[in-house]
Amino acid sequence: MAEDIVPAQLAPYPVDLEEGRTYAWCRCGRSQRQPFCDGAHKGTGIEPLRFTAERSETVMLCGCKGTDDAPFCDGSHNLA
């Protein structure tokens, strides 16, 4: 059984992505390297979301972990 997801912050993280690079977005909220995974999820049953940037651009990655468009912010933090 997965442990509860912990919101890292109630705002998105602006991140510069590099085209073709693979990232591991923290889904559990426990990483000390937010918004990216540092392995703190071990034992929680929650895995990071791995994705590859389609182009180099600045994006807003979800910090509250409540997005329906992971790993991107969809404004869900405004509902908290």
PDB file of N, CA and C in Angstrom:
ATOM      1  N   MET A   1       0.839  -1.186   0.000  1.00  0.00           N
ATOM      2  CA  MET A   1       0.000   0.000   0.000  1.00  0.00           C
ATOM      3  C   MET A   1       0.878   1.241   0.000  1.00  0.00           C
ATOM      4  N   ALA A   2       0.576   2.182  -0.847  1.00  0.00           N
ATOM      5  CA  ALA A   2       1.367   3.403  -0.964  1.00  0.00           C
ATOM      6  C   ALA A   2       1.098   4.337   0.212  1.00  0.00           C
ATOM      7  N   GLU A   3       2.165   4.957   0.699  1.00  0.00           N
ATOM      8  CA  GLU A   3       2.014   5.987   1.717  1.00  0.00           C
ATOM      9  C   GLU A   3       1.437   7.232   1.063  1.00  0.00           C
ATOM     10  N   ASP A   4       0.950   8.151   1.870  1.00  0.00           N
ATOM     11  CA  ASP A   4       0.365   9.375   1.344  1.00  0.00           C
ATOM     12  C   ASP A   4       1.403  10.242   0.646  1.00  0.00           C
ATOM     13  N   ILE A   5       0.935  10.916  -0.388  1.00  0.00           N
ATOM     14  CA  ILE A   5       1.761  11.893  -1.089  1.00  0.00           C
ATOM     15  C   ILE A   5       1.781  13.172  -0.261  1.00  0.00           C
ATOM     16  N   VAL A   6       2.949  13.780  -0.132  1.00  0.00           N
ATOM     17  CA  VAL A   6       3.134  14.988   0.658  1.00  0.00           C
ATOM     18  C   VAL A   6       3.345  16.168  -0.288  1.00  0.00           C
ATOM     19  N   PRO A   7       2.509  17.211  -0.223  1.00  0.00           N
ATOM     20  CA  PRO A   7       2.758  18.375  -1.073  1.00  0.00           C
ATOM     21  C   PRO A   7       4.108  19.005  -0.708  1.00  0.00           C
ATOM     22  N   ALA A   8       4.951  19.231  -1.694  1.00  0.00           N
ATOM     23  CA  ALA A   8       6.259  19.842  -1.438  1.00  0.00           C
ATOM     24  C   ALA A   8       6.103  21.338  -1.183  1.00  0.00           C
ATOM     25  N   GLN A   9       5.234  21.978  -1.956  1.00  0.00           N
ATOM     26  CA  GLN A   9       4.908  23.392  -1.766  1.00  0.00           C
ATOM     27  C   GLN A   9       3.615  23.672  -2.521  1.00  0.00           C
ATOM     28  N   LEU A  10       2.942  24.738  -2.162  1.00  0.00           N
ATOM     29  CA  LEU A  10       1.670  25.063  -2.805  1.00  0.00           C
ATOM     30  C   LEU A  10       1.867  26.093  -3.908  1.00  0.00           C
ATOM     31  N   ALA A  11       2.844  25.817  -4.747  1.00  0.00           N
ATOM     32  CA  ALA A  11       3.148  26.652  -5.911  1.00  0.00           C
ATOM     33  C   ALA A  11       3.972  25.803  -6.873  1.00  0.00           C
ATOM     34  N   PRO A  12       3.946  26.149  -8.151  1.00  0.00           N
ATOM     35  CA  PRO A  12       4.748  25.390  -9.111  1.00  0.00           C
ATOM     36  C   PRO A  12       6.227  25.772  -9.045  1.00  0.00           C
ATOM     37  N   TYR A  13       7.053  24.932  -9.641  1.00  0.00           N
ATOM     38  CA  TYR A  13       8.488  25.182  -9.772  1.00  0.00           C
ATOM     39  C   TYR A  13       8.783  25.567 -11.218  1.00  0.00           C
ATOM     40  N   PRO A  14       9.313  26.762 -11.478  1.00  0.00           N
ATOM     41  CA  PRO A  14       9.739  27.077 -12.846  1.00  0.00           C
ATOM     42  C   PRO A  14      11.049  26.340 -13.129  1.00  0.00           C
ATOM     43  N   VAL A  15      11.084  25.599 -14.228  1.00  0.00           N
ATOM     44  CA  VAL A  15      12.248  24.770 -14.555  1.00  0.00           C
ATOM     45  C   VAL A  15      12.590  24.923 -16.027  1.00  0.00           C
ATOM     46  N   ASP A  16      13.875  25.088 -16.319  1.00  0.00           N
ATOM     47  CA  ASP A  16      14.360  25.121 -17.699  1.00  0.00           C
ATOM     48  C   ASP A  16      14.683  23.694 -18.118  1.00  0.00           C
ATOM     49  N   LEU A  17      13.896  23.164 -19.052  1.00  0.00           N
ATOM     50  CA  LEU A  17      14.126  21.814 -19.558  1.00  0.00           C
ATOM     51  C   LEU A  17      15.010  21.859 -20.794  1.00  0.00           C
ATOM     52  N   GLU A  18      15.790  20.798 -20.979  1.00  0.00           N
ATOM     53  CA  GLU A  18      16.679  20.674 -22.131  1.00  0.00           C
ATOM     54  C   GLU A  18      16.145  19.585 -23.057  1.00  0.00           C
ATOM     55  N   GLU A  19      15.946  19.927 -24.310  1.00  0.00           N
ATOM     56  CA  GLU A  19      15.406  18.992 -25.300  1.00  0.00           C
ATOM     57  C   GLU A  19      16.165  17.669 -25.290  1.00  0.00           C
ATOM     58  N   GLY A  20      15.417  16.560 -25.243  1.00  0.00           N
ATOM     59  CA  GLY A  20      16.004  15.227 -25.290  1.00  0.00           C
ATOM     60  C   GLY A  20      16.482  14.682 -23.958  1.00  0.00           C
ATOM     61  N   ARG A  21      16.529  15.515 -22.936  1.00  0.00           N
ATOM     62  CA  ARG A  21      16.990  15.067 -21.620  1.00  0.00           C
ATOM     63  C   ARG A  21      15.829  14.420 -20.863  1.00  0.00           C
ATOM     64  N   THR A  22      16.136  13.341 -20.136  1.00  0.00           N
ATOM     65  CA  THR A  22      15.130  12.654 -19.334  1.00  0.00           C
ATOM     66  C   THR A  22      15.217  13.133 -17.887  1.00  0.00           C
ATOM     67  N   TYR A  23      14.063  13.386 -17.301  1.00  0.00           N
ATOM     68  CA  TYR A  23      13.945  13.887 -15.934  1.00  0.00           C
ATOM     69  C   TYR A  23      13.092  12.924 -15.117  1.00  0.00           C
ATOM     70  N   ALA A  24      13.277  12.945 -13.807  1.00  0.00           N
ATOM     71  CA  ALA A  24      12.457  12.141 -12.897  1.00  0.00           C
ATOM     72  C   ALA A  24      11.785  13.099 -11.916  1.00  0.00           C
ATOM     73  N   TRP A  25      10.508  13.382 -12.164  1.00  0.00           N
ATOM     74  CA  TRP A  25       9.727  14.297 -11.331  1.00  0.00           C
ATOM     75  C   TRP A  25       9.278  13.573 -10.065  1.00  0.00           C
ATOM     76  N   CYS A  26       9.506  14.180  -8.923  1.00  0.00           N
ATOM     77  CA  CYS A  26       9.116  13.605  -7.636  1.00  0.00           C
ATOM     78  C   CYS A  26       7.599  13.599  -7.508  1.00  0.00           C
ATOM     79  N   ARG A  27       7.032  12.421  -7.311  1.00  0.00           N
ATOM     80  CA  ARG A  27       5.585  12.295  -7.105  1.00  0.00           C
ATOM     81  C   ARG A  27       5.225  12.186  -5.630  1.00  0.00           C
ATOM     82  N   CYS A  28       6.168  11.765  -4.793  1.00  0.00           N
ATOM     83  CA  CYS A  28       5.848  11.530  -3.380  1.00  0.00           C
ATOM     84  C   CYS A  28       5.901  12.799  -2.536  1.00  0.00           C
ATOM     85  N   GLY A  29       6.676  13.797  -2.974  1.00  0.00           N
ATOM     86  CA  GLY A  29       6.809  15.043  -2.232  1.00  0.00           C
ATOM     87  C   GLY A  29       7.891  15.029  -1.173  1.00  0.00           C
ATOM     88  N   ARG A  30       8.617  13.930  -1.032  1.00  0.00           N
ATOM     89  CA  ARG A  30       9.620  13.798   0.027  1.00  0.00           C
ATOM     90  C   ARG A  30      11.039  14.175  -0.399  1.00  0.00           C
ATOM     91  N   SER A  31      11.264  14.357  -1.671  1.00  0.00           N
ATOM     92  CA  SER A  31      12.598  14.672  -2.176  1.00  0.00           C
ATOM     93  C   SER A  31      13.102  16.006  -1.622  1.00  0.00           C
ATOM     94  N   GLN A  32      14.380  16.058  -1.342  1.00  0.00           N
ATOM     95  CA  GLN A  32      15.025  17.310  -0.938  1.00  0.00           C
ATOM     96  C   GLN A  32      15.543  18.070  -2.157  1.00  0.00           C
ATOM     97  N   ARG A  33      15.340  17.515  -3.357  1.00  0.00           N
ATOM     98  CA  ARG A  33      15.783  18.132  -4.612  1.00  0.00           C
ATOM     99  C   ARG A  33      14.581  18.504  -5.477  1.00  0.00           C
ATOM    100  N   GLN A  34      13.499  18.944  -4.869  1.00  0.00           N
ATOM    101  CA  GLN A  34      12.271  19.279  -5.594  1.00  0.00           C
ATOM    102  C   GLN A  34      12.549  20.195  -6.777  1.00  0.00           C
ATOM    103  N   PRO A  35      11.875  20.007  -7.869  1.00  0.00           N
ATOM    104  CA  PRO A  35      10.768  19.088  -8.080  1.00  0.00           C
ATOM    105  C   PRO A  35      11.205  17.709  -8.571  1.00  0.00           C
ATOM    106  N   PHE A  36      12.502  17.432  -8.469  1.00  0.00           N
ATOM    107  CA  PHE A  36      13.022  16.174  -8.996  1.00  0.00           C
ATOM    108  C   PHE A  36      13.249  15.142  -7.893  1.00  0.00           C
ATOM    109  N   CYS A  37      13.293  13.889  -8.289  1.00  0.00           N
ATOM    110  CA  CYS A  37      13.448  12.762  -7.373  1.00  0.00           C
ATOM    111  C   CYS A  37      14.881  12.658  -6.852  1.00  0.00           C
ATOM    112  N   ASP A  38      15.008  12.349  -5.557  1.00  0.00           N
ATOM    113  CA  ASP A  38      16.319  12.057  -4.976  1.00  0.00           C
ATOM    114  C   ASP A  38      16.347  10.672  -4.328  1.00  0.00           C
ATOM    115  N   GLY A  39      15.295   9.873  -4.570  1.00  0.00           N
ATOM    116  CA  GLY A  39      15.235   8.527  -4.015  1.00  0.00           C
ATOM    117  C   GLY A  39      14.522   8.435  -2.676  1.00  0.00           C
ATOM    118  N   ALA A  40      14.037   9.556  -2.148  1.00  0.00           N
ATOM    119  CA  ALA A  40      13.378   9.560  -0.837  1.00  0.00           C
ATOM    120  C   ALA A  40      12.069   8.772  -0.826  1.00  0.00           C
ATOM    121  N   HIS A  41      11.576   8.394  -1.996  1.00  0.00           N
ATOM    122  CA  HIS A  41      10.324   7.629  -2.091  1.00  0.00           C
ATOM    123  C   HIS A  41      10.492   6.168  -1.697  1.00  0.00           C
ATOM    124  N   LYS A  42      11.706   5.701  -1.571  1.00  0.00           N
ATOM    125  CA  LYS A  42      11.935   4.279  -1.302  1.00  0.00           C
ATOM    126  C   LYS A  42      11.126   3.823  -0.086  1.00  0.00           C
ATOM    127  N   GLY A  43      10.381   2.748  -0.273  1.00  0.00           N
ATOM    128  CA  GLY A  43       9.560   2.205   0.792  1.00  0.00           C
ATOM    129  C   GLY A  43       8.160   2.787   0.868  1.00  0.00           C
ATOM    130  N   THR A  44       7.860   3.783   0.040  1.00  0.00           N
ATOM    131  CA  THR A  44       6.533   4.410   0.083  1.00  0.00           C
ATOM    132  C   THR A  44       5.549   3.759  -0.876  1.00  0.00           C
ATOM    133  N   GLY A  45       6.060   3.044  -1.878  1.00  0.00           N
ATOM    134  CA  GLY A  45       5.188   2.498  -2.911  1.00  0.00           C
ATOM    135  C   GLY A  45       4.873   3.505  -3.999  1.00  0.00           C
ATOM    136  N   ILE A  46       5.476   4.681  -3.920  1.00  0.00           N
ATOM    137  CA  ILE A  46       5.273   5.745  -4.910  1.00  0.00           C
ATOM    138  C   ILE A  46       6.548   5.873  -5.730  1.00  0.00           C
ATOM    139  N   GLU A  47       6.424   5.882  -7.031  1.00  0.00           N
ATOM    140  CA  GLU A  47       7.575   5.994  -7.921  1.00  0.00           C
ATOM    141  C   GLU A  47       7.590   7.360  -8.600  1.00  0.00           C
ATOM    142  N   PRO A  48       8.774   7.861  -8.982  1.00  0.00           N
ATOM    143  CA  PRO A  48       8.830   9.123  -9.713  1.00  0.00           C
ATOM    144  C   PRO A  48       8.248   8.971 -11.111  1.00  0.00           C
ATOM    145  N   LEU A  49       7.878  10.079 -11.702  1.00  0.00           N
ATOM    146  CA  LEU A  49       7.398  10.087 -13.080  1.00  0.00           C
ATOM    147  C   LEU A  49       8.567  10.500 -13.969  1.00  0.00           C
ATOM    148  N   ARG A  50       8.999   9.600 -14.818  1.00  0.00           N
ATOM    149  CA  ARG A  50      10.099   9.906 -15.735  1.00  0.00           C
ATOM    150  C   ARG A  50       9.524  10.429 -17.040  1.00  0.00           C
ATOM    151  N   PHE A  51      10.139  11.503 -17.546  1.00  0.00           N
ATOM    152  CA  PHE A  51       9.699  12.080 -18.814  1.00  0.00           C
ATOM    153  C   PHE A  51      10.894  12.669 -19.541  1.00  0.00           C
ATOM    154  N   THR A  52      10.778  12.744 -20.851  1.00  0.00           N
ATOM    155  CA  THR A  52      11.825  13.314 -21.695  1.00  0.00           C
ATOM    156  C   THR A  52      11.305  14.606 -22.306  1.00  0.00           C
ATOM    157  N   ALA A  53      12.091  15.664 -22.181  1.00  0.00           N
ATOM    158  CA  ALA A  53      11.690  16.965 -22.717  1.00  0.00           C
ATOM    159  C   ALA A  53      11.659  16.914 -24.237  1.00  0.00           C
ATOM    160  N   GLU A  54      10.547  17.335 -24.805  1.00  0.00           N
ATOM    161  CA  GLU A  54      10.387  17.349 -26.261  1.00  0.00           C
ATOM    162  C   GLU A  54      11.105  18.525 -26.901  1.00  0.00           C
ATOM    163  N   ARG A  55      11.308  19.586 -26.122  1.00  0.00           N
ATOM    164  CA  ARG A  55      12.038  20.760 -26.615  1.00  0.00           C
ATOM    165  C   ARG A  55      12.616  21.513 -25.412  1.00  0.00           C
ATOM    166  N   SER A  56      13.576  22.358 -25.681  1.00  0.00           N
ATOM    167  CA  SER A  56      14.148  23.187 -24.622  1.00  0.00           C
ATOM    168  C   SER A  56      13.188  24.341 -24.361  1.00  0.00           C
ATOM    169  N   GLU A  57      12.751  24.450 -23.118  1.00  0.00           N
ATOM    170  CA  GLU A  57      11.800  25.499 -22.752  1.00  0.00           C
ATOM    171  C   GLU A  57      11.702  25.591 -21.238  1.00  0.00           C
ATOM    172  N   THR A  58      11.147  26.692 -20.767  1.00  0.00           N
ATOM    173  CA  THR A  58      10.859  26.856 -19.352  1.00  0.00           C
ATOM    174  C   THR A  58       9.422  26.409 -19.115  1.00  0.00           C
ATOM    175  N   VAL A  59       9.238  25.521 -18.150  1.00  0.00           N
ATOM    176  CA  VAL A  59       7.908  25.005 -17.814  1.00  0.00           C
ATOM    177  C   VAL A  59       7.668  25.183 -16.319  1.00  0.00           C
ATOM    178  N   MET A  60       6.424  25.019 -15.923  1.00  0.00           N
ATOM    179  CA  MET A  60       6.055  25.065 -14.510  1.00  0.00           C
ATOM    180  C   MET A  60       5.719  23.637 -14.083  1.00  0.00           C
ATOM    181  N   LEU A  61       6.581  23.055 -13.239  1.00  0.00           N
ATOM    182  CA  LEU A  61       6.346  21.702 -12.744  1.00  0.00           C
ATOM    183  C   LEU A  61       5.586  21.776 -11.420  1.00  0.00           C
ATOM    184  N   CYS A  62       4.659  20.865 -11.249  1.00  0.00           N
ATOM    185  CA  CYS A  62       3.778  20.850 -10.087  1.00  0.00           C
ATOM    186  C   CYS A  62       4.566  20.691  -8.784  1.00  0.00           C
ATOM    187  N   GLY A  63       4.215  21.504  -7.799  1.00  0.00           N
ATOM    188  CA  GLY A  63       4.813  21.402  -6.474  1.00  0.00           C
ATOM    189  C   GLY A  63       3.871  20.799  -5.448  1.00  0.00           C
ATOM    190  N   CYS A  64       2.557  20.926  -5.687  1.00  0.00           N
ATOM    191  CA  CYS A  64       1.579  20.417  -4.711  1.00  0.00           C
ATOM    192  C   CYS A  64       1.310  18.931  -4.889  1.00  0.00           C
ATOM    193  N   LYS A  65       1.733  18.371  -6.030  1.00  0.00           N
ATOM    194  CA  LYS A  65       1.579  16.951  -6.374  1.00  0.00           C
ATOM    195  C   LYS A  65       0.126  16.565  -6.637  1.00  0.00           C
ATOM    196  N   GLY A  66      -0.751  17.551  -6.820  1.00  0.00           N
ATOM    197  CA  GLY A  66      -2.160  17.278  -7.055  1.00  0.00           C
ATOM    198  C   GLY A  66      -2.605  17.474  -8.489  1.00  0.00           C
ATOM    199  N   THR A  67      -1.661  17.727  -9.388  1.00  0.00           N
ATOM    200  CA  THR A  67      -1.992  17.998 -10.781  1.00  0.00           C
ATOM    201  C   THR A  67      -2.627  16.802 -11.487  1.00  0.00           C
ATOM    202  N   ASP A  68      -3.486  17.105 -12.441  1.00  0.00           N
ATOM    203  CA  ASP A  68      -4.038  16.069 -13.322  1.00  0.00           C
ATOM    204  C   ASP A  68      -3.277  16.023 -14.639  1.00  0.00           C
ATOM    205  N   ASP A  69      -2.189  16.817 -14.739  1.00  0.00           N
ATOM    206  CA  ASP A  69      -1.390  16.905 -15.961  1.00  0.00           C
ATOM    207  C   ASP A  69       0.092  16.694 -15.636  1.00  0.00           C
ATOM    208  N   ALA A  70       0.387  15.740 -14.764  1.00  0.00           N
ATOM    209  CA  ALA A  70       1.753  15.504 -14.287  1.00  0.00           C
ATOM    210  C   ALA A  70       2.728  15.318 -15.445  1.00  0.00           C
ATOM    211  N   PRO A  71       3.915  15.922 -15.307  1.00  0.00           N
ATOM    212  CA  PRO A  71       4.450  16.611 -14.145  1.00  0.00           C
ATOM    213  C   PRO A  71       4.161  18.112 -14.122  1.00  0.00           C
ATOM    214  N   PHE A  72       3.342  18.573 -15.034  1.00  0.00           N
ATOM    215  CA  PHE A  72       3.122  20.008 -15.199  1.00  0.00           C
ATOM    216  C   PHE A  72       2.034  20.538 -14.267  1.00  0.00           C
ATOM    217  N   CYS A  73       2.194  21.781 -13.849  1.00  0.00           N
ATOM    218  CA  CYS A  73       1.209  22.433 -12.996  1.00  0.00           C
ATOM    219  C   CYS A  73      -0.080  22.672 -13.779  1.00  0.00           C
ATOM    220  N   ASP A  74      -1.214  22.366 -13.157  1.00  0.00           N
ATOM    221  CA  ASP A  74      -2.514  22.655 -13.766  1.00  0.00           C
ATOM    222  C   ASP A  74      -3.342  23.596 -12.894  1.00  0.00           C
ATOM    223  N   GLY A  75      -2.703  24.197 -11.891  1.00  0.00           N
ATOM    224  CA  GLY A  75      -3.394  25.136 -11.011  1.00  0.00           C
ATOM    225  C   GLY A  75      -4.090  24.482  -9.828  1.00  0.00           C
ATOM    226  N   SER A  76      -3.914  23.182  -9.643  1.00  0.00           N
ATOM    227  CA  SER A  76      -4.574  22.480  -8.536  1.00  0.00           C
ATOM    228  C   SER A  76      -4.217  23.063  -7.176  1.00  0.00           C
ATOM    229  N   HIS A  77      -3.028  23.660  -7.048  1.00  0.00           N
ATOM    230  CA  HIS A  77      -2.616  24.246  -5.769  1.00  0.00           C
ATOM    231  C   HIS A  77      -3.544  25.383  -5.348  1.00  0.00           C
ATOM    232  N   ASN A  78      -4.245  25.981  -6.302  1.00  0.00           N
ATOM    233  CA  ASN A  78      -5.179  27.063  -5.981  1.00  0.00           C
ATOM    234  C   ASN A  78      -6.431  26.553  -5.276  1.00  0.00           C
ATOM    235  N   LEU A  79      -6.653  25.246  -5.295  1.00  0.00           N
ATOM    236  CA  LEU A  79      -7.828  24.657  -4.657  1.00  0.00           C
ATOM    237  C   LEU A  79      -7.561  24.261  -3.212  1.00  0.00           C
ATOM    238  N   ALA A  80      -6.286  24.305  -2.811  1.00  0.00           N
ATOM    239  CA  ALA A  80      -5.914  23.878  -1.449  1.00  0.00           C
ATOM    240  C   ALA A  80      -6.310  24.911  -0.413  1.00  0.00           C
TER     241      ALA A  80
END
